């Protein structure tokens, strides 16, 4: 006949073995998640590059236009002062 203490010991051994199996699987899950996160990070870097290149070009063009307008205004303002002095 099986006694209650033998049954409990058998259950504890079974639980310990199952816990080891679960921990073993958790290790593989964590490694796979790390690989997935690296891939996601690479994809986000590529997307950032794709989005930032046109934006930086637009920024440069706008800065160039602003500089041209400011220089034209300075020349115009400087020319008006000379005309007023001559009168």
PDB file of N, CA and C in Angstrom:
ATOM      1  N   UNK A   1       0.829  -1.175   0.000  1.00  0.00           N
ATOM      2  CA  UNK A   1       0.000   0.000   0.000  1.00  0.00           C
ATOM      3  C   UNK A   1       0.881   1.249   0.000  1.00  0.00           C
ATOM      4  N   UNK A   2       0.470   2.284  -0.724  1.00  0.00           N
ATOM      5  CA  UNK A   2       1.207   3.535  -0.788  1.00  0.00           C
ATOM      6  C   UNK A   2       0.733   4.436   0.342  1.00  0.00           C
ATOM      7  N   UNK A   3       1.708   4.943   1.041  1.00  0.00           N
ATOM      8  CA  UNK A   3       1.359   5.820   2.147  1.00  0.00           C
ATOM      9  C   UNK A   3       1.292   7.266   1.644  1.00  0.00           C
ATOM     10  N   UNK A   4       0.680   8.131   2.428  1.00  0.00           N
ATOM     11  CA  UNK A   4       0.494   9.535   2.050  1.00  0.00           C
ATOM     12  C   UNK A   4       1.834  10.241   1.917  1.00  0.00           C
ATOM     13  N   UNK A   5       2.795   9.920   2.769  1.00  0.00           N
ATOM     14  CA  UNK A   5       4.101  10.588   2.697  1.00  0.00           C
ATOM     15  C   UNK A   5       4.821  10.194   1.403  1.00  0.00           C
ATOM     16  N   UNK A   6       4.701   8.939   0.973  1.00  0.00           N
ATOM     17  CA  UNK A   6       5.313   8.509  -0.297  1.00  0.00           C
ATOM     18  C   UNK A   6       4.648   9.211  -1.481  1.00  0.00           C
ATOM     19  N   UNK A   7       3.343   9.354  -1.405  1.00  0.00           N
ATOM     20  CA  UNK A   7       2.611  10.039  -2.466  1.00  0.00           C
ATOM     21  C   UNK A   7       3.011  11.505  -2.546  1.00  0.00           C
ATOM     22  N   UNK A   8       3.139  12.164  -1.401  1.00  0.00           N
ATOM     23  CA  UNK A   8       3.566  13.565  -1.382  1.00  0.00           C
ATOM     24  C   UNK A   8       4.987  13.718  -1.906  1.00  0.00           C
ATOM     25  N   UNK A   9       5.882  12.788  -1.534  1.00  0.00           N
ATOM     26  CA  UNK A   9       7.253  12.851  -2.030  1.00  0.00           C
ATOM     27  C   UNK A   9       7.280  12.676  -3.552  1.00  0.00           C
ATOM     28  N   UNK A  10       6.493  11.784  -4.050  1.00  0.00           N
ATOM     29  CA  UNK A  10       6.417  11.565  -5.507  1.00  0.00           C
ATOM     30  C   UNK A  10       5.878  12.796  -6.218  1.00  0.00           C
ATOM     31  N   UNK A  11       4.874  13.428  -5.635  1.00  0.00           N
ATOM     32  CA  UNK A  11       4.336  14.657  -6.220  1.00  0.00           C
ATOM     33  C   UNK A  11       5.372  15.778  -6.197  1.00  0.00           C
ATOM     34  N   UNK A  12       6.139  15.877  -5.109  1.00  0.00           N
ATOM     35  CA  UNK A  12       7.178  16.911  -5.029  1.00  0.00           C
ATOM     36  C   UNK A  12       8.258  16.693  -6.087  1.00  0.00           C
ATOM     37  N   UNK A  13       8.622  15.441  -6.298  1.00  0.00           N
ATOM     38  CA  UNK A  13       9.619  15.137  -7.332  1.00  0.00           C
ATOM     39  C   UNK A  13       9.058  15.503  -8.706  1.00  0.00           C
ATOM     40  N   UNK A  14       7.804  15.157  -8.964  1.00  0.00           N
ATOM     41  CA  UNK A  14       7.187  15.466 -10.252  1.00  0.00           C
ATOM     42  C   UNK A  14       7.116  16.977 -10.467  1.00  0.00           C
ATOM     43  N   UNK A  15       6.754  17.712  -9.421  1.00  0.00           N
ATOM     44  CA  UNK A  15       6.690  19.166  -9.522  1.00  0.00           C
ATOM     45  C   UNK A  15       8.080  19.744  -9.766  1.00  0.00           C
ATOM     46  N   UNK A  16       9.091  19.220  -9.096  1.00  0.00           N
ATOM     47  CA  UNK A  16      10.464  19.710  -9.278  1.00  0.00           C
ATOM     48  C   UNK A  16      10.930  19.460 -10.720  1.00  0.00           C
ATOM     49  N   UNK A  17      10.632  18.282 -11.258  1.00  0.00           N
ATOM     50  CA  UNK A  17      11.025  17.976 -12.635  1.00  0.00           C
ATOM     51  C   UNK A  17      10.294  18.900 -13.605  1.00  0.00           C
ATOM     52  N   UNK A  18       9.015  19.103 -13.398  1.00  0.00           N
ATOM     53  CA  UNK A  18       8.256  19.985 -14.284  1.00  0.00           C
ATOM     54  C   UNK A  18       8.758  21.428 -14.178  1.00  0.00           C
ATOM     55  N   UNK A  19       9.127  21.855 -12.993  1.00  0.00           N
ATOM     56  CA  UNK A  19       9.664  23.194 -12.813  1.00  0.00           C
ATOM     57  C   UNK A  19      10.981  23.351 -13.571  1.00  0.00           C
ATOM     58  N   UNK A  20      11.838  22.335 -13.539  1.00  0.00           N
ATOM     59  CA  UNK A  20      13.080  22.382 -14.306  1.00  0.00           C
ATOM     60  C   UNK A  20      12.800  22.453 -15.805  1.00  0.00           C
ATOM     61  N   UNK A  21      11.809  21.722 -16.275  1.00  0.00           N
ATOM     62  CA  UNK A  21      11.453  21.757 -17.692  1.00  0.00           C
ATOM     63  C   UNK A  21      10.942  23.138 -18.070  1.00  0.00           C
ATOM     64  N   UNK A  22      10.121  23.728 -17.225  1.00  0.00           N
ATOM     65  CA  UNK A  22       9.598  25.067 -17.495  1.00  0.00           C
ATOM     66  C   UNK A  22      10.738  26.086 -17.522  1.00  0.00           C
ATOM     67  N   UNK A  23      11.651  26.024 -16.583  1.00  0.00           N
ATOM     68  CA  UNK A  23      12.785  26.954 -16.570  1.00  0.00           C
ATOM     69  C   UNK A  23      13.664  26.774 -17.802  1.00  0.00           C
ATOM     70  N   UNK A  24      13.835  25.536 -18.243  1.00  0.00           N
ATOM     71  CA  UNK A  24      14.606  25.250 -19.446  1.00  0.00           C
ATOM     72  C   UNK A  24      13.955  25.916 -20.650  1.00  0.00           C
ATOM     73  N   UNK A  25      12.635  25.830 -20.744  1.00  0.00           N
ATOM     74  CA  UNK A  25      11.924  26.455 -21.850  1.00  0.00           C
ATOM     75  C   UNK A  25      11.955  27.986 -21.746  1.00  0.00           C
ATOM     76  N   UNK A  26      11.920  28.507 -20.547  1.00  0.00           N
ATOM     77  CA  UNK A  26      11.974  29.963 -20.353  1.00  0.00           C
ATOM     78  C   UNK A  26      13.301  30.506 -20.877  1.00  0.00           C
ATOM     79  N   UNK A  27      14.380  29.761 -20.695  1.00  0.00           N
ATOM     80  CA  UNK A  27      15.680  30.209 -21.215  1.00  0.00           C
ATOM     81  C   UNK A  27      15.609  30.376 -22.726  1.00  0.00           C
ATOM     82  N   UNK A  28      15.030  29.408 -23.421  1.00  0.00           N
ATOM     83  CA  UNK A  28      14.927  29.516 -24.879  1.00  0.00           C
ATOM     84  C   UNK A  28      13.987  30.639 -25.299  1.00  0.00           C
ATOM     85  N   UNK A  29      12.939  30.842 -24.558  1.00  0.00           N
ATOM     86  CA  UNK A  29      12.006  31.934 -24.867  1.00  0.00           C
ATOM     87  C   UNK A  29      12.710  33.277 -24.732  1.00  0.00           C
ATOM     88  N   UNK A  30      13.496  33.454 -23.685  1.00  0.00           N
ATOM     89  CA  UNK A  30      14.202  34.717 -23.469  1.00  0.00           C
ATOM     90  C   UNK A  30      15.230  34.956 -24.582  1.00  0.00           C
ATOM     91  N   UNK A  31      15.938  33.910 -24.990  1.00  0.00           N
ATOM     92  CA  UNK A  31      16.918  34.055 -26.070  1.00  0.00           C
ATOM     93  C   UNK A  31      16.212  34.449 -27.365  1.00  0.00           C
ATOM     94  N   UNK A  32      15.082  33.817 -27.653  1.00  0.00           N
ATOM     95  CA  UNK A  32      14.325  34.168 -28.862  1.00  0.00           C
ATOM     96  C   UNK A  32      13.805  35.595 -28.791  1.00  0.00           C
ATOM     97  N   UNK A  33      13.351  36.022 -27.630  1.00  0.00           N
ATOM     98  CA  UNK A  33      12.879  37.398 -27.483  1.00  0.00           C
ATOM     99  C   UNK A  33      13.998  38.399 -27.715  1.00  0.00           C
ATOM    100  N   UNK A  34      15.197  38.080 -27.258  1.00  0.00           N
ATOM    101  CA  UNK A  34      16.335  38.966 -27.504  1.00  0.00           C
ATOM    102  C   UNK A  34      16.607  39.093 -28.992  1.00  0.00           C
ATOM    103  N   UNK A  35      16.541  37.976 -29.711  1.00  0.00           N
ATOM    104  CA  UNK A  35      16.754  38.025 -31.157  1.00  0.00           C
ATOM    105  C   UNK A  35      15.678  38.863 -31.834  1.00  0.00           C
ATOM    106  N   UNK A  36      14.444  38.680 -31.415  1.00  0.00           N
ATOM    107  CA  UNK A  36      13.330  39.439 -31.997  1.00  0.00           C
ATOM    108  C   UNK A  36      13.505  40.923 -31.717  1.00  0.00           C
ATOM    109  N   UNK A  37      13.882  41.273 -30.498  1.00  0.00           N
ATOM    110  CA  UNK A  37      14.069  42.683 -30.151  1.00  0.00           C
ATOM    111  C   UNK A  37      15.220  43.303 -30.937  1.00  0.00           C
ATOM    112  N   UNK A  38      16.275  42.550 -31.201  1.00  0.00           N
ATOM    113  CA  UNK A  38      17.364  43.075 -32.035  1.00  0.00           C
ATOM    114  C   UNK A  38      16.867  43.359 -33.443  1.00  0.00           C
ATOM    115  N   UNK A  39      16.066  42.450 -33.978  1.00  0.00           N
ATOM    116  CA  UNK A  39      15.526  42.662 -35.328  1.00  0.00           C
ATOM    117  C   UNK A  39      14.628  43.893 -35.364  1.00  0.00           C
ATOM    118  N   UNK A  40      13.796  44.033 -34.343  1.00  0.00           N
ATOM    119  CA  UNK A  40      12.910  45.200 -34.279  1.00  0.00           C
ATOM    120  C   UNK A  40      13.737  46.479 -34.182  1.00  0.00           C
ATOM    121  N   UNK A  41      14.803  46.452 -33.407  1.00  0.00           N
ATOM    122  CA  UNK A  41      15.661  47.627 -33.277  1.00  0.00           C
ATOM    123  C   UNK A  41      16.313  47.969 -34.614  1.00  0.00           C
ATOM    124  N   UNK A  42      16.771  46.950 -35.343  1.00  0.00           N
ATOM    125  CA  UNK A  42      17.358  47.193 -36.663  1.00  0.00           C
ATOM    126  C   UNK A  42      16.339  47.806 -37.619  1.00  0.00           C
ATOM    127  N   UNK A  43      15.116  47.302 -37.576  1.00  0.00           N
ATOM    128  CA  UNK A  43      14.067  47.821 -38.457  1.00  0.00           C
ATOM    129  C   UNK A  43      13.749  49.268 -38.101  1.00  0.00           C
ATOM    130  N   UNK A  44      13.665  49.576 -36.811  1.00  0.00           N
ATOM    131  CA  UNK A  44      13.363  50.955 -36.421  1.00  0.00           C
ATOM    132  C   UNK A  44      14.507  51.892 -36.807  1.00  0.00           C
ATOM    133  N   UNK A  45      15.749  51.430 -36.731  1.00  0.00           N
ATOM    134  CA  UNK A  45      16.877  52.265 -37.168  1.00  0.00           C
ATOM    135  C   UNK A  45      16.777  52.552 -38.664  1.00  0.00           C
ATOM    136  N   UNK A  46      16.440  51.528 -39.444  1.00  0.00           N
ATOM    137  CA  UNK A  46      16.310  51.723 -40.884  1.00  0.00           C
ATOM    138  C   UNK A  46      15.162  52.678 -41.202  1.00  0.00           C
ATOM    139  N   UNK A  47      14.050  52.522 -40.508  1.00  0.00           N
ATOM    140  CA  UNK A  47      12.924  53.431 -40.722  1.00  0.00           C
ATOM    141  C   UNK A  47      13.292  54.858 -40.343  1.00  0.00           C
ATOM    142  N   UNK A  48      14.018  55.012 -39.263  1.00  0.00           N
ATOM    143  CA  UNK A  48      14.443  56.346 -38.840  1.00  0.00           C
ATOM    144  C   UNK A  48      15.334  56.976 -39.900  1.00  0.00           C
ATOM    145  N   UNK A  49      16.251  56.174 -40.451  1.00  0.00           N
ATOM    146  CA  UNK A  49      17.120  56.700 -41.508  1.00  0.00           C
ATOM    147  C   UNK A  49      16.312  57.108 -42.733  1.00  0.00           C
ATOM    148  N   UNK A  50      15.348  56.278 -43.097  1.00  0.00           N
ATOM    149  CA  UNK A  50      14.533  56.572 -44.277  1.00  0.00           C
ATOM    150  C   UNK A  50      13.716  57.839 -44.065  1.00  0.00           C
ATOM    151  N   UNK A  51      13.224  58.059 -42.866  1.00  0.00           N
ATOM    152  CA  UNK A  51      12.415  59.238 -42.591  1.00  0.00           C
ATOM    153  C   UNK A  51      13.256  60.491 -42.358  1.00  0.00           C
ATOM    154  N   UNK A  52      14.417  60.339 -41.759  1.00  0.00           N
ATOM    155  CA  UNK A  52      15.207  61.507 -41.405  1.00  0.00           C
ATOM    156  C   UNK A  52      15.967  62.100 -42.589  1.00  0.00           C
ATOM    157  N   UNK A  53      16.344  61.288 -43.567  1.00  0.00           N
ATOM    158  CA  UNK A  53      17.073  61.829 -44.714  1.00  0.00           C
ATOM    159  C   UNK A  53      16.262  62.884 -45.456  1.00  0.00           C
ATOM    160  N   UNK A  54      15.016  62.597 -45.837  1.00  0.00           N
ATOM    161  CA  UNK A  54      14.245  63.650 -46.520  1.00  0.00           C
ATOM    162  C   UNK A  54      13.981  64.855 -45.626  1.00  0.00           C
ATOM    163  N   UNK A  55      13.744  64.620 -44.349  1.00  0.00           N
ATOM    164  CA  UNK A  55      13.493  65.736 -43.441  1.00  0.00           C
ATOM    165  C   UNK A  55      14.725  66.622 -43.293  1.00  0.00           C
ATOM    166  N   UNK A  56      15.890  66.016 -43.228  1.00  0.00           N
ATOM    167  CA  UNK A  56      17.100  66.830 -43.113  1.00  0.00           C
ATOM    168  C   UNK A  56      17.348  67.609 -44.400  1.00  0.00           C
ATOM    169  N   UNK A  57      17.022  67.011 -45.541  1.00  0.00           N
ATOM    170  CA  UNK A  57      17.179  67.737 -46.808  1.00  0.00           C
ATOM    171  C   UNK A  57      16.211  68.917 -46.864  1.00  0.00           C
ATOM    172  N   UNK A  58      14.984  68.725 -46.431  1.00  0.00           N
ATOM    173  CA  UNK A  58      14.007  69.815 -46.402  1.00  0.00           C
ATOM    174  C   UNK A  58      14.502  70.911 -45.462  1.00  0.00           C
ATOM    175  N   UNK A  59      15.052  70.528 -44.332  1.00  0.00           N
ATOM    176  CA  UNK A  59      15.578  71.502 -43.387  1.00  0.00           C
ATOM    177  C   UNK A  59      16.710  72.310 -44.012  1.00  0.00           C
ATOM    178  N   UNK A  60      17.602  71.644 -44.709  1.00  0.00           N
ATOM    179  CA  UNK A  60      18.707  72.351 -45.359  1.00  0.00           C
ATOM    180  C   UNK A  60      18.199  73.306 -46.430  1.00  0.00           C
ATOM    181  N   UNK A  61      17.225  72.851 -47.216  1.00  0.00           N
ATOM    182  CA  UNK A  61      16.673  73.714 -48.266  1.00  0.00           C
ATOM    183  C   UNK A  61      16.000  74.935 -47.659  1.00  0.00           C
ATOM    184  N   UNK A  62      15.209  74.724 -46.613  1.00  0.00           N
ATOM    185  CA  UNK A  62      14.550  75.853 -45.949  1.00  0.00           C
ATOM    186  C   UNK A  62      15.560  76.824 -45.360  1.00  0.00           C
ATOM    187  N   UNK A  63      16.615  76.300 -44.768  1.00  0.00           N
ATOM    188  CA  UNK A  63      17.646  77.171 -44.210  1.00  0.00           C
ATOM    189  C   UNK A  63      18.321  77.972 -45.315  1.00  0.00           C
ATOM    190  N   UNK A  64      18.570  77.352 -46.455  1.00  0.00           N
ATOM    191  CA  UNK A  64      19.176  78.046 -47.583  1.00  0.00           C
ATOM    192  C   UNK A  64      18.257  79.164 -48.087  1.00  0.00           C
ATOM    193  N   UNK A  65      16.951  78.869 -48.187  1.00  0.00           N
ATOM    194  CA  UNK A  65      15.989  79.870 -48.647  1.00  0.00           C
ATOM    195  C   UNK A  65      15.928  81.030 -47.659  1.00  0.00           C
ATOM    196  N   UNK A  66      15.898  80.721 -46.376  1.00  0.00           N
ATOM    197  CA  UNK A  66      15.855  81.768 -45.344  1.00  0.00           C
ATOM    198  C   UNK A  66      17.104  82.649 -45.439  1.00  0.00           C
ATOM    199  N   UNK A  67      18.262  82.029 -45.607  1.00  0.00           N
ATOM    200  CA  UNK A  67      19.499  82.802 -45.731  1.00  0.00           C
ATOM    201  C   UNK A  67      19.470  83.706 -46.962  1.00  0.00           C
ATOM    202  N   UNK A  68      18.946  83.180 -48.063  1.00  0.00           N
ATOM    203  CA  UNK A  68      18.865  83.984 -49.291  1.00  0.00           C
ATOM    204  C   UNK A  68      17.924  85.173 -49.105  1.00  0.00           C
ATOM    205  N   UNK A  69      16.780  84.940 -48.472  1.00  0.00           N
ATOM    206  CA  UNK A  69      15.820  86.024 -48.245  1.00  0.00           C
ATOM    207  C   UNK A  69      16.412  87.067 -47.313  1.00  0.00           C
ATOM    208  N   UNK A  70      17.076  86.627 -46.245  1.00  0.00           N
ATOM    209  CA  UNK A  70      17.689  87.577 -45.313  1.00  0.00           C
ATOM    210  C   UNK A  70      18.779  88.398 -45.986  1.00  0.00           C
ATOM    211  N   UNK A  71      19.592  87.744 -46.813  1.00  0.00           N
ATOM    212  CA  UNK A  71      20.651  88.504 -47.495  1.00  0.00           C
ATOM    213  C   UNK A  71      20.049  89.489 -48.501  1.00  0.00           C
ATOM    214  N   UNK A  72      18.964  89.099 -49.164  1.00  0.00           N
ATOM    215  CA  UNK A  72      18.301  90.018 -50.102  1.00  0.00           C
ATOM    216  C   UNK A  72      17.708  91.205 -49.347  1.00  0.00           C
ATOM    217  N   UNK A  73      17.130  90.957 -48.175  1.00  0.00           N
ATOM    218  CA  UNK A  73      16.566  92.053 -47.378  1.00  0.00           C
ATOM    219  C   UNK A  73      17.661  92.988 -46.886  1.00  0.00           C
ATOM    220  N   UNK A  74      18.804  92.450 -46.505  1.00  0.00           N
ATOM    221  CA  UNK A  74      19.911  93.291 -46.043  1.00  0.00           C
ATOM    222  C   UNK A  74      20.416  94.171 -47.175  1.00  0.00           C
ATOM    223  N   UNK A  75      20.554  93.586 -48.365  1.00  0.00           N
ATOM    224  CA  UNK A  75      21.013  94.381 -49.509  1.00  0.00           C
ATOM    225  C   UNK A  75      20.003  95.478 -49.845  1.00  0.00           C
ATOM    226  N   UNK A  76      18.719  95.125 -49.809  1.00  0.00           N
ATOM    227  CA  UNK A  76      17.666  96.102 -50.117  1.00  0.00           C
ATOM    228  C   UNK A  76      17.641  97.211 -49.073  1.00  0.00           C
ATOM    229  N   UNK A  77      17.770  96.848 -47.821  1.00  0.00           N
ATOM    230  CA  UNK A  77      17.766  97.835 -46.737  1.00  0.00           C
ATOM    231  C   UNK A  77      18.999  98.742 -46.855  1.00  0.00           C
ATOM    232  N   UNK A  78      20.137  98.160 -47.178  1.00  0.00           N
ATOM    233  CA  UNK A  78      21.368  98.928 -47.331  1.00  0.00           C
ATOM    234  C   UNK A  78      21.259  99.885 -48.531  1.00  0.00           C
ATOM    235  N   UNK A  79      20.658  99.447 -49.606  1.00  0.00           N
ATOM    236  CA  UNK A  79      20.490 100.294 -50.799  1.00  0.00           C
ATOM    237  C   UNK A  79      19.539 101.451 -50.503  1.00  0.00           C
ATOM    238  N   UNK A  80      18.490 101.255 -49.729  1.00  0.00           N
ATOM    239  CA  UNK A  80      17.543 102.320 -49.380  1.00  0.00           C
ATOM    240  C   UNK A  80      18.237 103.396 -48.561  1.00  0.00           C
ATOM    241  N   UNK A  81      19.136 103.030 -47.675  1.00  0.00           N
ATOM    242  CA  UNK A  81      19.844 104.026 -46.868  1.00  0.00           C
ATOM    243  C   UNK A  81      20.711 104.921 -47.749  1.00  0.00           C
ATOM    244  N   UNK A  82      21.358 104.350 -48.739  1.00  0.00           N
ATOM    245  CA  UNK A  82      22.207 105.139 -49.627  1.00  0.00           C
ATOM    246  C   UNK A  82      21.354 106.089 -50.480  1.00  0.00           C
ATOM    247  N   UNK A  83      20.189 105.663 -50.886  1.00  0.00           N
ATOM    248  CA  UNK A  83      19.323 106.505 -51.703  1.00  0.00           C
ATOM    249  C   UNK A  83      18.826 107.685 -50.874  1.00  0.00           C
ATOM    250  N   UNK A  84      18.485 107.458 -49.622  1.00  0.00           N
ATOM    251  CA  UNK A  84      17.984 108.530 -48.762  1.00  0.00           C
ATOM    252  C   UNK A  84      19.079 109.552 -48.482  1.00  0.00           C
ATOM    253  N   UNK A  85      20.296 109.136 -48.344  1.00  0.00           N
ATOM    254  CA  UNK A  85      21.398 110.046 -48.060  1.00  0.00           C
ATOM    255  C   UNK A  85      21.667 110.926 -49.266  1.00  0.00           C
ATOM    256  N   UNK A  86      21.560 110.407 -50.465  1.00  0.00           N
ATOM    257  CA  UNK A  86      21.821 111.160 -51.689  1.00  0.00           C
ATOM    258  C   UNK A  86      20.780 112.252 -51.912  1.00  0.00           C
ATOM    259  N   UNK A  87      19.562 112.077 -51.484  1.00  0.00           N
ATOM    260  CA  UNK A  87      18.486 113.051 -51.721  1.00  0.00           C
ATOM    261  C   UNK A  87      18.762 114.259 -50.947  1.00  0.00           C
TER     262      UNK A  87
END
